[in-house]
């Protein structure tokens, strides 16, 4: 058997092996459960209370900007009640690297396919905000 025939035979086997490995492990990721839950909460439909909408205006945010900024937030499971019925409650706070950038945290309720935000906790007092 010549070198080129052996190389072609090896290449075909290697290609089949790559396809098998991709079929078995192709769509796996290295995300932590915290990151997976944050993705789930962000990609669901947002329902906000009037109080949360008012505080969003004070922070000069809208729903789309909030969803983008939530990439820099994480779930604090010590303050969360994930087994609460009918909707699990998740306390969302900025990651340690981004604490100085964001002056708010929030509580999200995971109701099946809806993420409900009842209130946003503004950490630094804003004199122009009249929301209670």
C-alpha atoms as a PDB file:
ATOM      1  CA  UNK A   1       0.000   0.000   0.000  1.00  0.00           C
ATOM      2  CA  UNK A   2       1.452   3.333  -0.988  1.00  0.00           C
ATOM      3  CA  UNK A   3       1.810   6.344   1.331  1.00  0.00           C
ATOM      4  CA  UNK A   4      -1.066   8.259  -0.315  1.00  0.00           C
ATOM      5  CA  UNK A   5      -3.478   5.316   0.005  1.00  0.00           C
ATOM      6  CA  UNK A   6      -2.589   4.953   3.689  1.00  0.00           C
ATOM      7  CA  UNK A   7      -3.005   8.702   4.208  1.00  0.00           C
ATOM      8  CA  UNK A   8      -6.427   8.682   2.509  1.00  0.00           C
ATOM      9  CA  UNK A   9      -7.498   5.617   4.546  1.00  0.00           C
ATOM     10  CA  UNK A  10      -6.366   7.366   7.758  1.00  0.00           C
ATOM     11  CA  UNK A  11      -8.164  10.591   6.758  1.00  0.00           C
ATOM     12  CA  UNK A  12     -11.454   8.775   6.148  1.00  0.00           C
ATOM     13  CA  UNK A  13     -11.266   7.079   9.553  1.00  0.00           C
ATOM     14  CA  UNK A  14     -10.305  10.318  11.251  1.00  0.00           C
ATOM     15  CA  UNK A  15     -13.256  12.112   9.605  1.00  0.00           C
ATOM     16  CA  UNK A  16     -15.711   9.418  10.720  1.00  0.00           C
ATOM     17  CA  UNK A  17     -14.285   9.653  14.231  1.00  0.00           C
ATOM     18  CA  UNK A  18     -14.778  13.444  14.253  1.00  0.00           C
ATOM     19  CA  UNK A  19     -18.412  13.024  13.191  1.00  0.00           C
ATOM     20  CA  UNK A  20     -19.041  10.497  15.983  1.00  0.00           C
ATOM     21  CA  UNK A  21     -17.448  12.753  18.620  1.00  0.00           C
ATOM     22  CA  UNK A  22     -19.472  15.742  17.387  1.00  0.00           C
ATOM     23  CA  UNK A  23     -22.687  13.698  17.494  1.00  0.00           C
ATOM     24  CA  UNK A  24     -21.976  12.660  21.087  1.00  0.00           C
ATOM     25  CA  UNK A  25     -20.598  15.907  22.534  1.00  0.00           C
ATOM     26  CA  UNK A  26     -21.385  18.639  19.977  1.00  0.00           C
ATOM     27  CA  UNK A  27     -23.833  20.899  21.814  1.00  0.00           C
ATOM     28  CA  UNK A  28     -22.397  20.840  25.315  1.00  0.00           C
ATOM     29  CA  UNK A  29     -21.102  23.970  26.982  1.00  0.00           C
ATOM     30  CA  UNK A  30     -19.054  24.858  30.036  1.00  0.00           C
ATOM     31  CA  UNK A  31     -21.679  27.085  31.668  1.00  0.00           C
ATOM     32  CA  UNK A  32     -22.397  26.896  35.388  1.00  0.00           C
ATOM     33  CA  UNK A  33     -25.941  26.338  36.680  1.00  0.00           C
ATOM     34  CA  UNK A  34     -25.992  29.993  37.773  1.00  0.00           C
ATOM     35  CA  UNK A  35     -25.252  31.170  34.221  1.00  0.00           C
ATOM     36  CA  UNK A  36     -27.807  28.788  32.732  1.00  0.00           C
ATOM     37  CA  UNK A  37     -30.563  30.059  35.045  1.00  0.00           C
ATOM     38  CA  UNK A  38     -29.649  33.686  34.277  1.00  0.00           C
ATOM     39  CA  UNK A  39     -29.900  32.957  30.539  1.00  0.00           C
ATOM     40  CA  UNK A  40     -33.284  31.339  31.089  1.00  0.00           C
ATOM     41  CA  UNK A  41     -34.582  34.325  33.076  1.00  0.00           C
ATOM     42  CA  UNK A  42     -33.304  36.845  30.530  1.00  0.00           C
ATOM     43  CA  UNK A  43     -34.716  35.095  27.458  1.00  0.00           C
ATOM     44  CA  UNK A  44     -38.214  34.760  28.910  1.00  0.00           C
ATOM     45  CA  UNK A  45     -40.927  37.374  28.481  1.00  0.00           C
ATOM     46  CA  UNK A  46     -40.603  40.198  31.050  1.00  0.00           C
ATOM     47  CA  UNK A  47     -43.621  41.344  33.051  1.00  0.00           C
ATOM     48  CA  UNK A  48     -42.982  44.431  35.196  1.00  0.00           C
ATOM     49  CA  UNK A  49     -45.029  46.075  37.879  1.00  0.00           C
ATOM     50  CA  UNK A  50     -45.760  49.812  37.726  1.00  0.00           C
ATOM     51  CA  UNK A  51     -43.270  50.385  40.540  1.00  0.00           C
ATOM     52  CA  UNK A  52     -40.513  48.575  38.615  1.00  0.00           C
ATOM     53  CA  UNK A  53     -41.321  50.542  35.443  1.00  0.00           C
ATOM     54  CA  UNK A  54     -41.085  53.806  37.389  1.00  0.00           C
ATOM     55  CA  UNK A  55     -37.693  52.840  38.843  1.00  0.00           C
ATOM     56  CA  UNK A  56     -36.488  51.800  35.384  1.00  0.00           C
ATOM     57  CA  UNK A  57     -37.268  55.335  34.188  1.00  0.00           C
ATOM     58  CA  UNK A  58     -35.301  56.730  37.133  1.00  0.00           C
ATOM     59  CA  UNK A  59     -32.337  54.554  36.158  1.00  0.00           C
ATOM     60  CA  UNK A  60     -32.807  55.583  32.503  1.00  0.00           C
ATOM     61  CA  UNK A  61     -33.241  51.991  31.366  1.00  0.00           C
ATOM     62  CA  UNK A  62     -35.704  50.137  29.222  1.00  0.00           C
ATOM     63  CA  UNK A  63     -36.416  46.423  29.000  1.00  0.00           C
ATOM     64  CA  UNK A  64     -33.932  45.772  26.197  1.00  0.00           C
ATOM     65  CA  UNK A  65     -31.061  47.620  27.866  1.00  0.00           C
ATOM     66  CA  UNK A  66     -31.826  45.783  31.124  1.00  0.00           C
ATOM     67  CA  UNK A  67     -31.627  42.430  29.339  1.00  0.00           C
ATOM     68  CA  UNK A  68     -28.221  43.388  27.928  1.00  0.00           C
ATOM     69  CA  UNK A  69     -26.958  44.604  31.310  1.00  0.00           C
ATOM     70  CA  UNK A  70     -28.080  41.409  33.027  1.00  0.00           C
ATOM     71  CA  UNK A  71     -25.038  39.705  31.458  1.00  0.00           C
ATOM     72  CA  UNK A  72     -23.051  41.357  34.263  1.00  0.00           C
ATOM     73  CA  UNK A  73     -25.350  40.074  37.017  1.00  0.00           C
ATOM     74  CA  UNK A  74     -25.583  36.811  38.925  1.00  0.00           C
ATOM     75  CA  UNK A  75     -28.048  35.030  41.184  1.00  0.00           C
ATOM     76  CA  UNK A  76     -27.436  35.103  44.922  1.00  0.00           C
ATOM     77  CA  UNK A  77     -28.901  31.772  46.002  1.00  0.00           C
ATOM     78  CA  UNK A  78     -28.487  32.603  49.711  1.00  0.00           C
ATOM     79  CA  UNK A  79     -31.163  35.306  49.410  1.00  0.00           C
ATOM     80  CA  UNK A  80     -33.297  33.490  46.803  1.00  0.00           C
ATOM     81  CA  UNK A  81     -36.262  31.205  47.394  1.00  0.00           C
ATOM     82  CA  UNK A  82     -36.169  28.967  44.328  1.00  0.00           C
ATOM     83  CA  UNK A  83     -38.794  26.498  45.594  1.00  0.00           C
ATOM     84  CA  UNK A  84     -41.427  29.106  46.402  1.00  0.00           C
ATOM     85  CA  UNK A  85     -44.828  28.392  44.895  1.00  0.00           C
ATOM     86  CA  UNK A  86     -46.216  29.333  42.413  1.00  0.00           C
ATOM     87  CA  UNK A  87     -43.087  31.197  41.193  1.00  0.00           C
ATOM     88  CA  UNK A  88     -39.508  30.777  42.332  1.00  0.00           C
ATOM     89  CA  UNK A  89     -37.875  33.993  43.573  1.00  0.00           C
ATOM     90  CA  UNK A  90     -34.326  34.876  42.497  1.00  0.00           C
ATOM     91  CA  UNK A  91     -32.260  37.721  43.982  1.00  0.00           C
ATOM     92  CA  UNK A  92     -30.153  39.196  41.173  1.00  0.00           C
ATOM     93  CA  UNK A  93     -27.061  41.275  41.979  1.00  0.00           C
ATOM     94  CA  UNK A  94     -24.060  42.551  39.998  1.00  0.00           C
ATOM     95  CA  UNK A  95     -21.043  40.255  39.677  1.00  0.00           C
ATOM     96  CA  UNK A  96     -18.068  41.180  41.833  1.00  0.00           C
ATOM     97  CA  UNK A  97     -16.230  42.665  38.840  1.00  0.00           C
ATOM     98  CA  UNK A  98     -19.141  45.008  38.024  1.00  0.00           C
ATOM     99  CA  UNK A  99     -20.404  46.159  41.442  1.00  0.00           C
ATOM    100  CA  UNK A 100     -19.139  49.708  40.924  1.00  0.00           C
ATOM    101  CA  UNK A 101     -20.880  50.027  37.530  1.00  0.00           C
ATOM    102  CA  UNK A 102     -24.439  49.255  38.639  1.00  0.00           C
ATOM    103  CA  UNK A 103     -26.291  50.880  41.512  1.00  0.00           C
ATOM    104  CA  UNK A 104     -29.233  48.495  41.642  1.00  0.00           C
ATOM    105  CA  UNK A 105     -30.228  44.905  42.255  1.00  0.00           C
ATOM    106  CA  UNK A 106     -33.542  43.229  41.679  1.00  0.00           C
ATOM    107  CA  UNK A 107     -35.750  40.306  42.520  1.00  0.00           C
ATOM    108  CA  UNK A 108     -37.099  38.216  39.671  1.00  0.00           C
ATOM    109  CA  UNK A 109     -39.901  35.686  39.894  1.00  0.00           C
ATOM    110  CA  UNK A 110     -39.649  32.749  37.485  1.00  0.00           C
ATOM    111  CA  UNK A 111     -43.243  31.906  36.555  1.00  0.00           C
ATOM    112  CA  UNK A 112     -43.069  29.134  33.931  1.00  0.00           C
ATOM    113  CA  UNK A 113     -42.296  31.134  30.743  1.00  0.00           C
ATOM    114  CA  UNK A 114     -42.578  34.617  32.265  1.00  0.00           C
ATOM    115  CA  UNK A 115     -39.998  36.538  34.278  1.00  0.00           C
ATOM    116  CA  UNK A 116     -41.837  38.859  36.630  1.00  0.00           C
ATOM    117  CA  UNK A 117     -40.072  41.878  38.150  1.00  0.00           C
ATOM    118  CA  UNK A 118     -42.023  43.446  41.018  1.00  0.00           C
ATOM    119  CA  UNK A 119     -39.386  45.834  42.349  1.00  0.00           C
ATOM    120  CA  UNK A 120     -35.896  47.133  41.652  1.00  0.00           C
ATOM    121  CA  UNK A 121     -33.748  48.054  44.645  1.00  0.00           C
ATOM    122  CA  UNK A 122     -31.801  51.232  43.904  1.00  0.00           C
ATOM    123  CA  UNK A 123     -28.704  51.222  46.126  1.00  0.00           C
ATOM    124  CA  UNK A 124     -27.614  54.862  45.799  1.00  0.00           C
ATOM    125  CA  UNK A 125     -30.278  57.452  46.512  1.00  0.00           C
ATOM    126  CA  UNK A 126     -31.432  59.397  43.485  1.00  0.00           C
ATOM    127  CA  UNK A 127     -33.029  62.752  44.386  1.00  0.00           C
ATOM    128  CA  UNK A 128     -34.920  62.982  41.080  1.00  0.00           C
ATOM    129  CA  UNK A 129     -36.670  59.631  41.598  1.00  0.00           C
ATOM    130  CA  UNK A 130     -40.117  59.877  43.209  1.00  0.00           C
ATOM    131  CA  UNK A 131     -40.925  56.148  43.082  1.00  0.00           C
ATOM    132  CA  UNK A 132     -41.664  54.561  46.431  1.00  0.00           C
END
